[in-house]
N, C-alpha and C. Protein backbone atom coordinates (compact mmCIF):
# COMPACT_ATOMS: atom_id res chain seq x y z
N MET A 1 -2.77 -4.75 24.90
CA MET A 1 -1.58 -4.52 24.10
C MET A 1 -1.98 -3.94 22.75
N ARG A 2 -1.26 -2.92 22.29
CA ARG A 2 -1.54 -2.31 21.01
C ARG A 2 -0.83 -3.07 19.91
N HIS A 3 -1.47 -3.19 18.75
CA HIS A 3 -0.86 -3.84 17.59
C HIS A 3 0.15 -2.90 16.96
N ALA A 4 1.17 -3.46 16.31
CA ALA A 4 2.20 -2.65 15.67
C ALA A 4 1.62 -1.68 14.66
N ALA A 5 0.56 -2.06 13.96
CA ALA A 5 -0.04 -1.19 12.96
C ALA A 5 -0.65 0.06 13.59
N GLU A 6 -0.88 0.03 14.91
CA GLU A 6 -1.49 1.16 15.59
C GLU A 6 -0.46 2.07 16.24
N VAL A 7 0.82 1.79 16.07
CA VAL A 7 1.88 2.57 16.68
C VAL A 7 2.45 3.52 15.64
N SER A 8 2.56 4.81 15.99
CA SER A 8 3.13 5.78 15.06
C SER A 8 4.65 5.61 14.98
N GLU A 9 5.25 6.21 13.98
CA GLU A 9 6.70 6.14 13.81
C GLU A 9 7.41 6.76 15.02
N GLU A 10 6.86 7.86 15.54
CA GLU A 10 7.46 8.53 16.69
C GLU A 10 7.42 7.62 17.92
N GLU A 11 6.28 6.93 18.12
CA GLU A 11 6.15 6.01 19.25
C GLU A 11 7.11 4.84 19.12
N LEU A 12 7.25 4.32 17.90
CA LEU A 12 8.18 3.22 17.66
C LEU A 12 9.61 3.66 17.93
N ALA A 13 10.01 4.84 17.42
CA ALA A 13 11.36 5.34 17.64
C ALA A 13 11.66 5.53 19.12
N ALA A 14 10.69 6.05 19.86
CA ALA A 14 10.88 6.25 21.30
C ALA A 14 11.05 4.91 22.02
N ALA A 15 10.26 3.91 21.63
CA ALA A 15 10.37 2.59 22.26
C ALA A 15 11.70 1.93 21.94
N VAL A 16 12.17 2.07 20.69
CA VAL A 16 13.45 1.48 20.29
C VAL A 16 14.59 2.13 21.08
N THR A 17 14.56 3.46 21.19
CA THR A 17 15.59 4.18 21.93
C THR A 17 15.54 3.81 23.41
N ALA A 18 14.32 3.75 23.98
CA ALA A 18 14.18 3.40 25.40
C ALA A 18 14.70 1.99 25.68
N ALA A 19 14.62 1.10 24.70
CA ALA A 19 15.10 -0.27 24.87
C ALA A 19 16.61 -0.38 24.68
N GLY A 20 17.27 0.75 24.35
CA GLY A 20 18.72 0.74 24.23
C GLY A 20 19.26 0.39 22.85
N PHE A 21 18.39 0.30 21.85
CA PHE A 21 18.85 0.00 20.49
C PHE A 21 19.24 1.29 19.78
N PRO A 22 20.22 1.22 18.87
CA PRO A 22 20.59 2.42 18.12
C PRO A 22 19.48 2.75 17.12
N PRO A 23 19.39 4.03 16.68
CA PRO A 23 18.38 4.39 15.70
C PRO A 23 18.65 3.70 14.36
N ASP A 24 17.61 3.58 13.53
CA ASP A 24 17.72 2.94 12.21
C ASP A 24 18.73 3.71 11.37
N PRO A 25 19.76 3.04 10.85
CA PRO A 25 20.77 3.73 10.06
C PRO A 25 20.33 4.00 8.63
N GLN A 26 19.14 3.56 8.24
CA GLN A 26 18.67 3.77 6.88
C GLN A 26 18.66 5.27 6.55
N LEU A 27 19.35 5.64 5.51
CA LEU A 27 19.39 7.03 5.10
C LEU A 27 18.08 7.42 4.43
N ASP A 28 17.70 8.67 4.60
CA ASP A 28 16.52 9.19 3.92
C ASP A 28 16.97 9.61 2.52
N ARG A 29 16.57 8.86 1.53
CA ARG A 29 17.02 9.11 0.16
C ARG A 29 15.94 9.78 -0.69
N ARG A 30 14.99 10.45 -0.04
CA ARG A 30 13.93 11.09 -0.80
C ARG A 30 14.47 12.16 -1.74
N ALA A 31 15.52 12.88 -1.32
CA ALA A 31 16.04 13.97 -2.14
C ALA A 31 16.60 13.47 -3.46
N THR A 32 17.07 12.22 -3.51
CA THR A 32 17.64 11.69 -4.75
C THR A 32 16.71 10.71 -5.46
N ALA A 33 15.55 10.47 -4.88
CA ALA A 33 14.60 9.54 -5.51
C ALA A 33 14.01 10.18 -6.76
N ARG A 34 13.84 9.36 -7.78
CA ARG A 34 13.24 9.85 -9.02
C ARG A 34 11.79 9.41 -9.10
N PRO A 35 10.90 10.35 -9.43
CA PRO A 35 9.51 9.95 -9.59
C PRO A 35 9.35 9.02 -10.79
N ALA A 36 8.40 8.13 -10.71
CA ALA A 36 8.13 7.20 -11.82
C ALA A 36 6.64 6.93 -11.86
N THR A 37 6.13 6.79 -13.07
CA THR A 37 4.73 6.42 -13.28
C THR A 37 4.68 5.23 -14.21
N LEU A 38 3.96 4.21 -13.79
CA LEU A 38 3.81 3.00 -14.61
C LEU A 38 2.33 2.70 -14.78
N ARG A 39 2.01 2.18 -15.92
CA ARG A 39 0.66 1.69 -16.15
C ARG A 39 0.75 0.18 -16.30
N VAL A 40 0.03 -0.52 -15.44
CA VAL A 40 0.10 -1.97 -15.39
C VAL A 40 -1.28 -2.52 -15.76
N ARG A 41 -1.31 -3.41 -16.72
CA ARG A 41 -2.55 -4.11 -17.07
C ARG A 41 -2.54 -5.43 -16.32
N THR A 42 -3.49 -5.61 -15.41
CA THR A 42 -3.52 -6.80 -14.57
C THR A 42 -4.81 -7.57 -14.79
N GLN A 43 -4.83 -8.77 -14.28
CA GLN A 43 -6.03 -9.59 -14.27
C GLN A 43 -6.49 -9.74 -12.82
N VAL A 44 -7.68 -9.27 -12.55
CA VAL A 44 -8.25 -9.38 -11.22
C VAL A 44 -8.96 -10.72 -11.09
N VAL A 45 -8.73 -11.40 -9.99
CA VAL A 45 -9.45 -12.62 -9.64
C VAL A 45 -9.92 -12.45 -8.20
N ALA A 46 -11.18 -12.74 -7.94
CA ALA A 46 -11.75 -12.64 -6.59
C ALA A 46 -11.66 -11.22 -6.04
N GLY A 47 -11.65 -10.21 -6.94
CA GLY A 47 -11.66 -8.82 -6.51
C GLY A 47 -10.40 -8.35 -5.81
N GLN A 48 -9.24 -8.96 -6.12
CA GLN A 48 -8.03 -8.58 -5.41
C GLN A 48 -6.77 -8.61 -6.27
N LEU A 49 -5.86 -7.72 -5.93
CA LEU A 49 -4.50 -7.65 -6.46
C LEU A 49 -3.57 -7.56 -5.25
N TYR A 50 -2.28 -7.70 -5.49
CA TYR A 50 -1.32 -7.70 -4.38
C TYR A 50 -0.14 -6.80 -4.70
N LEU A 51 0.33 -6.10 -3.69
CA LEU A 51 1.59 -5.38 -3.74
C LEU A 51 2.53 -6.19 -2.85
N LEU A 52 3.56 -6.78 -3.46
CA LEU A 52 4.43 -7.69 -2.70
C LEU A 52 5.88 -7.24 -2.76
N ASP A 53 6.57 -7.40 -1.65
CA ASP A 53 8.01 -7.19 -1.60
C ASP A 53 8.72 -8.40 -2.21
N ARG A 54 9.92 -8.17 -2.70
CA ARG A 54 10.73 -9.26 -3.25
C ARG A 54 10.83 -10.38 -2.21
N GLY A 55 10.69 -11.60 -2.68
CA GLY A 55 10.77 -12.76 -1.80
C GLY A 55 9.45 -13.17 -1.18
N HIS A 56 8.42 -12.39 -1.37
CA HIS A 56 7.10 -12.73 -0.84
C HIS A 56 6.19 -13.19 -1.96
N THR A 57 5.24 -14.04 -1.62
CA THR A 57 4.29 -14.57 -2.58
C THR A 57 2.88 -14.31 -2.06
N VAL A 58 1.92 -14.55 -2.93
CA VAL A 58 0.52 -14.42 -2.52
C VAL A 58 0.26 -15.32 -1.31
N ALA A 59 0.82 -16.51 -1.32
CA ALA A 59 0.61 -17.44 -0.20
C ALA A 59 1.21 -16.92 1.10
N SER A 60 2.16 -16.00 1.03
CA SER A 60 2.75 -15.47 2.27
C SER A 60 1.90 -14.35 2.89
N VAL A 61 0.89 -13.86 2.15
CA VAL A 61 0.02 -12.82 2.72
C VAL A 61 -1.41 -13.31 2.93
N LEU A 62 -1.76 -14.43 2.32
CA LEU A 62 -3.10 -14.99 2.49
C LEU A 62 -3.04 -16.30 3.25
N PRO A 63 -4.00 -16.60 4.05
CA PRO A 63 -5.12 -15.74 4.41
C PRO A 63 -4.65 -14.59 5.29
N LEU A 64 -5.36 -13.48 5.22
CA LEU A 64 -4.99 -12.31 6.02
C LEU A 64 -5.15 -12.62 7.50
N PRO A 65 -4.14 -12.30 8.30
CA PRO A 65 -4.28 -12.52 9.75
C PRO A 65 -5.24 -11.48 10.35
N ASN A 66 -5.78 -11.78 11.50
CA ASN A 66 -6.72 -10.88 12.16
C ASN A 66 -6.10 -9.54 12.53
N ASP A 67 -4.77 -9.51 12.71
CA ASP A 67 -4.12 -8.25 13.10
C ASP A 67 -3.56 -7.48 11.92
N ALA A 68 -3.97 -7.81 10.69
CA ALA A 68 -3.52 -7.05 9.52
C ALA A 68 -3.99 -5.61 9.65
N ALA A 69 -3.13 -4.67 9.29
CA ALA A 69 -3.54 -3.26 9.25
C ALA A 69 -4.51 -3.10 8.10
N SER A 70 -5.54 -2.28 8.30
CA SER A 70 -6.56 -2.18 7.26
C SER A 70 -7.07 -0.75 7.10
N ALA A 71 -7.29 -0.38 5.84
CA ALA A 71 -8.00 0.84 5.50
C ALA A 71 -9.27 0.47 4.73
N GLY A 72 -9.76 -0.74 4.95
CA GLY A 72 -10.99 -1.20 4.34
C GLY A 72 -10.82 -1.77 2.95
N ILE A 73 -10.25 -0.99 2.04
CA ILE A 73 -10.05 -1.47 0.67
C ILE A 73 -8.58 -1.80 0.40
N VAL A 74 -7.75 -1.68 1.44
CA VAL A 74 -6.35 -2.12 1.40
C VAL A 74 -6.05 -2.75 2.76
N ASP A 75 -5.47 -3.94 2.73
CA ASP A 75 -5.02 -4.59 3.95
C ASP A 75 -3.52 -4.81 3.84
N VAL A 76 -2.78 -4.54 4.91
CA VAL A 76 -1.32 -4.62 4.89
C VAL A 76 -0.83 -5.62 5.93
N VAL A 77 0.10 -6.46 5.50
CA VAL A 77 0.78 -7.42 6.36
C VAL A 77 2.27 -7.30 6.07
N PRO A 78 3.15 -7.86 6.90
CA PRO A 78 4.57 -7.79 6.59
C PRO A 78 4.88 -8.37 5.20
N GLY A 79 5.49 -7.56 4.36
CA GLY A 79 5.90 -8.02 3.04
C GLY A 79 4.86 -7.92 1.96
N GLY A 80 3.66 -7.42 2.28
CA GLY A 80 2.65 -7.35 1.23
C GLY A 80 1.41 -6.57 1.62
N ALA A 81 0.64 -6.24 0.58
CA ALA A 81 -0.64 -5.56 0.77
C ALA A 81 -1.64 -6.17 -0.21
N VAL A 82 -2.87 -6.30 0.25
CA VAL A 82 -3.96 -6.74 -0.61
C VAL A 82 -4.73 -5.50 -1.03
N LEU A 83 -4.84 -5.29 -2.34
CA LEU A 83 -5.59 -4.18 -2.90
C LEU A 83 -6.92 -4.75 -3.39
N TRP A 84 -7.99 -4.34 -2.74
CA TRP A 84 -9.32 -4.86 -3.10
C TRP A 84 -9.93 -3.96 -4.16
N THR A 85 -10.73 -4.55 -5.02
CA THR A 85 -11.40 -3.81 -6.08
C THR A 85 -12.84 -4.30 -6.20
N PRO A 86 -13.77 -3.42 -6.60
CA PRO A 86 -15.15 -3.87 -6.77
C PRO A 86 -15.34 -4.76 -8.00
N HIS A 87 -14.34 -4.86 -8.83
CA HIS A 87 -14.41 -5.68 -10.04
C HIS A 87 -13.97 -7.10 -9.67
N ARG A 88 -14.89 -8.04 -9.71
CA ARG A 88 -14.62 -9.41 -9.25
C ARG A 88 -13.57 -10.12 -10.10
N SER A 89 -13.63 -9.94 -11.42
CA SER A 89 -12.65 -10.61 -12.28
C SER A 89 -12.55 -9.87 -13.60
N GLY A 90 -11.41 -10.07 -14.25
CA GLY A 90 -11.19 -9.45 -15.55
C GLY A 90 -10.03 -8.47 -15.53
N PRO A 91 -9.81 -7.80 -16.64
CA PRO A 91 -8.68 -6.88 -16.74
C PRO A 91 -8.90 -5.62 -15.90
N LEU A 92 -7.81 -5.10 -15.37
CA LEU A 92 -7.84 -3.85 -14.61
C LEU A 92 -6.59 -3.07 -14.96
N ASP A 93 -6.75 -1.80 -15.27
CA ASP A 93 -5.62 -0.91 -15.51
C ASP A 93 -5.29 -0.21 -14.20
N LEU A 94 -4.07 -0.42 -13.73
CA LEU A 94 -3.60 0.20 -12.50
C LEU A 94 -2.44 1.11 -12.83
N THR A 95 -2.58 2.38 -12.51
CA THR A 95 -1.47 3.32 -12.64
C THR A 95 -0.77 3.39 -11.29
N VAL A 96 0.54 3.19 -11.29
CA VAL A 96 1.33 3.24 -10.06
C VAL A 96 2.28 4.43 -10.17
N VAL A 97 2.21 5.31 -9.17
CA VAL A 97 3.08 6.49 -9.11
C VAL A 97 4.00 6.33 -7.92
N LEU A 98 5.31 6.30 -8.19
CA LEU A 98 6.32 6.30 -7.13
C LEU A 98 6.83 7.73 -7.02
N ALA A 99 6.75 8.32 -5.84
CA ALA A 99 7.10 9.72 -5.68
C ALA A 99 8.01 9.90 -4.47
N PRO A 100 8.92 10.91 -4.52
CA PRO A 100 9.78 11.14 -3.36
C PRO A 100 9.01 11.70 -2.16
N TYR A 101 7.93 12.44 -2.43
CA TYR A 101 7.10 13.01 -1.38
C TYR A 101 5.65 12.77 -1.74
N GLY A 102 4.76 12.92 -0.79
CA GLY A 102 3.35 12.64 -1.00
C GLY A 102 2.73 13.49 -2.10
N PRO A 103 2.30 12.87 -3.20
CA PRO A 103 1.62 13.63 -4.26
C PRO A 103 0.20 13.97 -3.81
N GLU A 104 -0.43 14.86 -4.53
CA GLU A 104 -1.81 15.21 -4.22
C GLU A 104 -2.73 14.06 -4.59
N PRO A 105 -3.75 13.81 -3.78
CA PRO A 105 -4.73 12.79 -4.18
C PRO A 105 -5.53 13.30 -5.38
N VAL A 106 -6.02 12.38 -6.18
CA VAL A 106 -6.82 12.72 -7.36
C VAL A 106 -8.29 12.53 -6.97
N LEU A 107 -8.84 13.51 -6.30
CA LEU A 107 -10.17 13.39 -5.69
C LEU A 107 -11.30 13.31 -6.71
N ASP A 108 -11.23 14.11 -7.77
CA ASP A 108 -12.35 14.21 -8.70
C ASP A 108 -12.55 12.97 -9.56
N ASP A 109 -11.52 12.21 -9.81
CA ASP A 109 -11.61 11.09 -10.74
C ASP A 109 -11.87 9.75 -10.09
N HIS A 110 -12.01 9.71 -8.77
CA HIS A 110 -12.14 8.43 -8.07
C HIS A 110 -13.24 8.49 -7.01
N ASP A 111 -13.86 7.35 -6.77
CA ASP A 111 -14.95 7.26 -5.79
C ASP A 111 -14.43 7.04 -4.37
N ASP A 112 -13.35 6.27 -4.26
CA ASP A 112 -12.84 5.87 -2.95
C ASP A 112 -11.33 6.07 -2.91
N ILE A 113 -10.85 6.71 -1.85
CA ILE A 113 -9.41 6.95 -1.70
C ILE A 113 -9.04 6.74 -0.23
N VAL A 114 -8.06 5.86 -0.02
CA VAL A 114 -7.60 5.59 1.34
C VAL A 114 -6.06 5.63 1.37
N GLU A 115 -5.53 5.86 2.55
CA GLU A 115 -4.08 5.81 2.77
C GLU A 115 -3.78 4.85 3.90
N ILE A 116 -2.62 4.19 3.78
CA ILE A 116 -2.18 3.28 4.83
C ILE A 116 -0.66 3.18 4.79
N SER A 117 -0.04 2.96 5.92
CA SER A 117 1.41 2.80 5.98
C SER A 117 1.81 1.39 5.55
N TYR A 118 2.99 1.32 4.97
CA TYR A 118 3.52 0.02 4.51
C TYR A 118 5.01 0.00 4.77
N ARG A 119 5.49 -1.03 5.42
CA ARG A 119 6.93 -1.17 5.67
C ARG A 119 7.49 -2.15 4.65
N SER A 120 8.43 -1.67 3.82
CA SER A 120 9.05 -2.50 2.79
C SER A 120 10.40 -3.00 3.31
N PRO A 121 10.54 -4.32 3.49
CA PRO A 121 11.82 -4.84 3.96
C PRO A 121 12.91 -4.84 2.89
N THR A 122 12.55 -4.70 1.62
CA THR A 122 13.56 -4.78 0.56
C THR A 122 13.64 -3.55 -0.35
N GLY A 123 12.57 -2.78 -0.45
CA GLY A 123 12.54 -1.67 -1.40
C GLY A 123 12.30 -2.14 -2.83
N GLN A 124 12.03 -3.42 -3.01
CA GLN A 124 11.77 -4.01 -4.33
C GLN A 124 10.34 -4.54 -4.33
N LEU A 125 9.45 -3.90 -5.08
CA LEU A 125 8.04 -4.25 -5.06
C LEU A 125 7.54 -4.72 -6.42
N SER A 126 6.44 -5.44 -6.38
CA SER A 126 5.76 -5.80 -7.62
C SER A 126 4.26 -5.79 -7.37
N ILE A 127 3.51 -5.51 -8.43
CA ILE A 127 2.08 -5.74 -8.43
C ILE A 127 1.93 -7.19 -8.87
N THR A 128 1.23 -7.98 -8.10
CA THR A 128 1.16 -9.42 -8.36
C THR A 128 -0.30 -9.85 -8.45
N GLU A 129 -0.57 -10.73 -9.40
CA GLU A 129 -1.90 -11.27 -9.58
C GLU A 129 -2.04 -12.56 -8.78
N LEU A 130 -3.26 -13.01 -8.59
CA LEU A 130 -3.52 -14.20 -7.78
C LEU A 130 -2.76 -15.42 -8.29
N ASP A 131 -2.57 -15.54 -9.61
CA ASP A 131 -1.85 -16.70 -10.17
C ASP A 131 -0.33 -16.57 -10.04
N GLY A 132 0.15 -15.48 -9.43
CA GLY A 132 1.59 -15.29 -9.24
C GLY A 132 2.26 -14.45 -10.31
N THR A 133 1.54 -14.04 -11.36
CA THR A 133 2.12 -13.16 -12.37
C THR A 133 2.54 -11.85 -11.72
N ARG A 134 3.82 -11.47 -11.93
CA ARG A 134 4.39 -10.29 -11.27
C ARG A 134 4.64 -9.19 -12.29
N HIS A 135 4.36 -7.97 -11.88
CA HIS A 135 4.67 -6.77 -12.65
C HIS A 135 5.62 -5.95 -11.77
N ASP A 136 6.93 -6.07 -12.02
CA ASP A 136 7.92 -5.42 -11.15
C ASP A 136 7.85 -3.91 -11.29
N LEU A 137 8.00 -3.24 -10.17
CA LEU A 137 8.04 -1.78 -10.12
C LEU A 137 9.49 -1.33 -10.01
N PRO A 138 9.80 -0.09 -10.40
CA PRO A 138 11.16 0.41 -10.17
C PRO A 138 11.50 0.37 -8.68
N SER A 139 12.77 0.28 -8.38
CA SER A 139 13.20 0.21 -6.98
C SER A 139 12.79 1.46 -6.22
N LEU A 140 12.37 1.25 -4.97
CA LEU A 140 12.12 2.35 -4.06
C LEU A 140 13.46 2.89 -3.57
N PRO A 141 13.47 4.04 -2.88
CA PRO A 141 14.73 4.59 -2.40
C PRO A 141 15.39 3.78 -1.28
N GLY A 142 14.89 2.62 -0.97
CA GLY A 142 15.48 1.78 0.07
C GLY A 142 14.39 1.09 0.86
N HIS A 143 14.81 0.25 1.82
CA HIS A 143 13.81 -0.39 2.69
C HIS A 143 13.30 0.65 3.67
N GLY A 144 12.21 0.36 4.29
CA GLY A 144 11.70 1.28 5.31
C GLY A 144 10.22 1.53 5.15
N ASP A 145 9.77 2.62 5.75
CA ASP A 145 8.35 2.94 5.81
C ASP A 145 7.93 3.80 4.62
N TYR A 146 6.78 3.43 4.08
CA TYR A 146 6.19 4.13 2.94
C TYR A 146 4.71 4.34 3.22
N ARG A 147 4.13 5.21 2.44
CA ARG A 147 2.69 5.45 2.50
C ARG A 147 2.09 5.01 1.18
N LEU A 148 0.98 4.28 1.25
CA LEU A 148 0.22 3.87 0.08
C LEU A 148 -1.07 4.68 0.05
N ARG A 149 -1.35 5.28 -1.10
CA ARG A 149 -2.66 5.93 -1.30
C ARG A 149 -3.31 5.24 -2.48
N TYR A 150 -4.42 4.59 -2.23
CA TYR A 150 -5.10 3.77 -3.23
C TYR A 150 -6.40 4.45 -3.63
N HIS A 151 -6.54 4.71 -4.93
CA HIS A 151 -7.72 5.35 -5.51
C HIS A 151 -8.49 4.30 -6.32
N VAL A 152 -9.79 4.22 -6.10
CA VAL A 152 -10.63 3.24 -6.79
C VAL A 152 -11.77 3.96 -7.52
N ARG A 153 -12.02 3.52 -8.74
CA ARG A 153 -13.21 3.96 -9.48
C ARG A 153 -14.18 2.78 -9.49
N ALA A 154 -15.31 2.93 -8.86
CA ALA A 154 -16.26 1.83 -8.75
C ALA A 154 -16.90 1.49 -10.09
N ASP A 155 -17.02 2.46 -11.00
CA ASP A 155 -17.71 2.21 -12.26
C ASP A 155 -16.78 1.93 -13.44
N GLY A 156 -15.50 1.89 -13.19
CA GLY A 156 -14.58 1.65 -14.30
C GLY A 156 -13.34 0.92 -13.84
N PRO A 157 -12.80 0.07 -14.69
CA PRO A 157 -11.63 -0.74 -14.29
C PRO A 157 -10.31 0.02 -14.45
N ALA A 158 -10.19 1.17 -13.79
CA ALA A 158 -8.94 1.93 -13.79
C ALA A 158 -8.73 2.49 -12.39
N HIS A 159 -7.65 2.09 -11.74
CA HIS A 159 -7.35 2.53 -10.38
C HIS A 159 -5.97 3.19 -10.35
N LEU A 160 -5.68 3.86 -9.25
CA LEU A 160 -4.41 4.56 -9.07
C LEU A 160 -3.83 4.19 -7.71
N LEU A 161 -2.53 3.89 -7.68
CA LEU A 161 -1.81 3.62 -6.43
C LEU A 161 -0.61 4.55 -6.38
N GLN A 162 -0.56 5.39 -5.35
CA GLN A 162 0.57 6.30 -5.14
C GLN A 162 1.39 5.77 -3.96
N ILE A 163 2.72 5.79 -4.13
CA ILE A 163 3.63 5.27 -3.10
C ILE A 163 4.73 6.29 -2.85
N TRP A 164 4.99 6.63 -1.61
CA TRP A 164 6.08 7.54 -1.27
C TRP A 164 6.59 7.21 0.12
N ARG A 165 7.83 7.62 0.38
CA ARG A 165 8.46 7.39 1.68
C ARG A 165 7.82 8.31 2.70
N ASP A 166 7.43 7.74 3.82
CA ASP A 166 6.78 8.54 4.86
C ASP A 166 6.80 7.75 6.17
N ALA A 167 6.72 8.47 7.26
CA ALA A 167 6.67 7.84 8.58
C ALA A 167 5.36 7.08 8.75
N ARG A 168 5.39 6.06 9.59
CA ARG A 168 4.18 5.28 9.86
C ARG A 168 3.13 6.16 10.52
N ARG A 169 1.92 6.03 10.02
CA ARG A 169 0.77 6.74 10.59
C ARG A 169 -0.44 5.81 10.53
N ARG A 170 -1.45 6.20 11.20
CA ARG A 170 -2.68 5.41 11.17
C ARG A 170 -3.34 5.50 9.79
N PRO A 171 -4.13 4.50 9.41
CA PRO A 171 -4.84 4.56 8.12
C PRO A 171 -5.77 5.78 8.07
N THR A 172 -5.94 6.31 6.87
CA THR A 172 -6.77 7.49 6.66
C THR A 172 -7.74 7.22 5.52
N LEU A 173 -9.00 7.53 5.72
CA LEU A 173 -10.00 7.46 4.67
C LEU A 173 -10.17 8.86 4.12
N LEU A 174 -9.69 9.11 2.91
CA LEU A 174 -9.77 10.45 2.33
C LEU A 174 -11.11 10.69 1.64
N LYS A 175 -11.63 9.65 1.01
CA LYS A 175 -12.91 9.77 0.31
C LYS A 175 -13.49 8.37 0.17
N VAL A 176 -14.71 8.17 0.64
CA VAL A 176 -15.38 6.89 0.50
C VAL A 176 -16.83 7.18 0.13
N THR A 177 -17.18 6.93 -1.13
CA THR A 177 -18.52 7.26 -1.60
C THR A 177 -19.24 6.11 -2.30
N SER A 178 -18.53 5.09 -2.72
CA SER A 178 -19.19 4.04 -3.49
C SER A 178 -19.91 3.06 -2.56
N PRO A 179 -21.03 2.50 -3.02
CA PRO A 179 -21.73 1.51 -2.20
C PRO A 179 -20.87 0.29 -1.89
N TRP A 180 -19.90 0.00 -2.75
CA TRP A 180 -18.99 -1.13 -2.53
C TRP A 180 -18.06 -0.88 -1.34
N ALA A 181 -17.50 0.33 -1.25
CA ALA A 181 -16.47 0.60 -0.23
C ALA A 181 -17.04 0.99 1.12
N VAL A 182 -18.22 1.57 1.16
CA VAL A 182 -18.76 2.05 2.43
C VAL A 182 -18.79 0.93 3.48
N PRO A 183 -19.35 -0.25 3.20
CA PRO A 183 -19.33 -1.29 4.26
C PRO A 183 -17.94 -1.83 4.57
N ARG A 184 -17.04 -1.82 3.59
CA ARG A 184 -15.68 -2.33 3.82
C ARG A 184 -14.91 -1.41 4.77
N THR A 185 -15.18 -0.11 4.71
CA THR A 185 -14.44 0.86 5.51
C THR A 185 -15.16 1.24 6.80
N GLY A 186 -16.40 0.80 6.94
CA GLY A 186 -17.15 1.11 8.16
C GLY A 186 -17.64 2.53 8.22
N THR A 187 -17.73 3.19 7.07
CA THR A 187 -18.20 4.59 7.07
C THR A 187 -19.69 4.68 6.85
C-alpha cells in the first residue's frame, strides 16, 4: 500500500472521483492572493522549528510518525511541519514568503534547499517554537494543498521558507551541499 504522501494530486483526484465523491469545492484563490514577506526572530531548541496550522500544537506533531512525508530537512504530518536546522539552539532569523505562485529559489545564498507538499486544513499558519511561542503568519488563500520550499544556510542563522498554493507532488531536493544536510537527505 502506498502512503498518502506518495500520491500525487492527480492520483488523489482520480481516486476520489472513482469512489463517487464530488470534487473539492475549494476555489483556487491564487489570482487574488497577496504576496507577503515576514521576518521572524525565533529561538531554536534541539535544532527544530515548527510550521503549524491553527488548532495544532507541537505535541500534535511530535513524535514524528514513521509515515511522515520527508524531504530530509523538513518533515510533514497532518497539521504541521518540522523545520530542521543545523543550529542546535539560539536565535534564528527566518524569512517567510507567502506567494500566489511558486517564487524562484534563492540558490546562491543557501547551502540546502528542499521542497515538499503540505496540506493546510485551515489556511491559518504560524511558525512555532518548541516552548509553544507562536509567530502567526498572514492567512493563506484558503485550506488545501501548498508547497513549502525551505532554504538553509549551514554557516549562518538565517533561513528562508517560501509557501505557495500548489498541487501535491513528491518531495524535491533542489540543492544539498552542507555536511549537515547530506546524511539527512540521503544524498
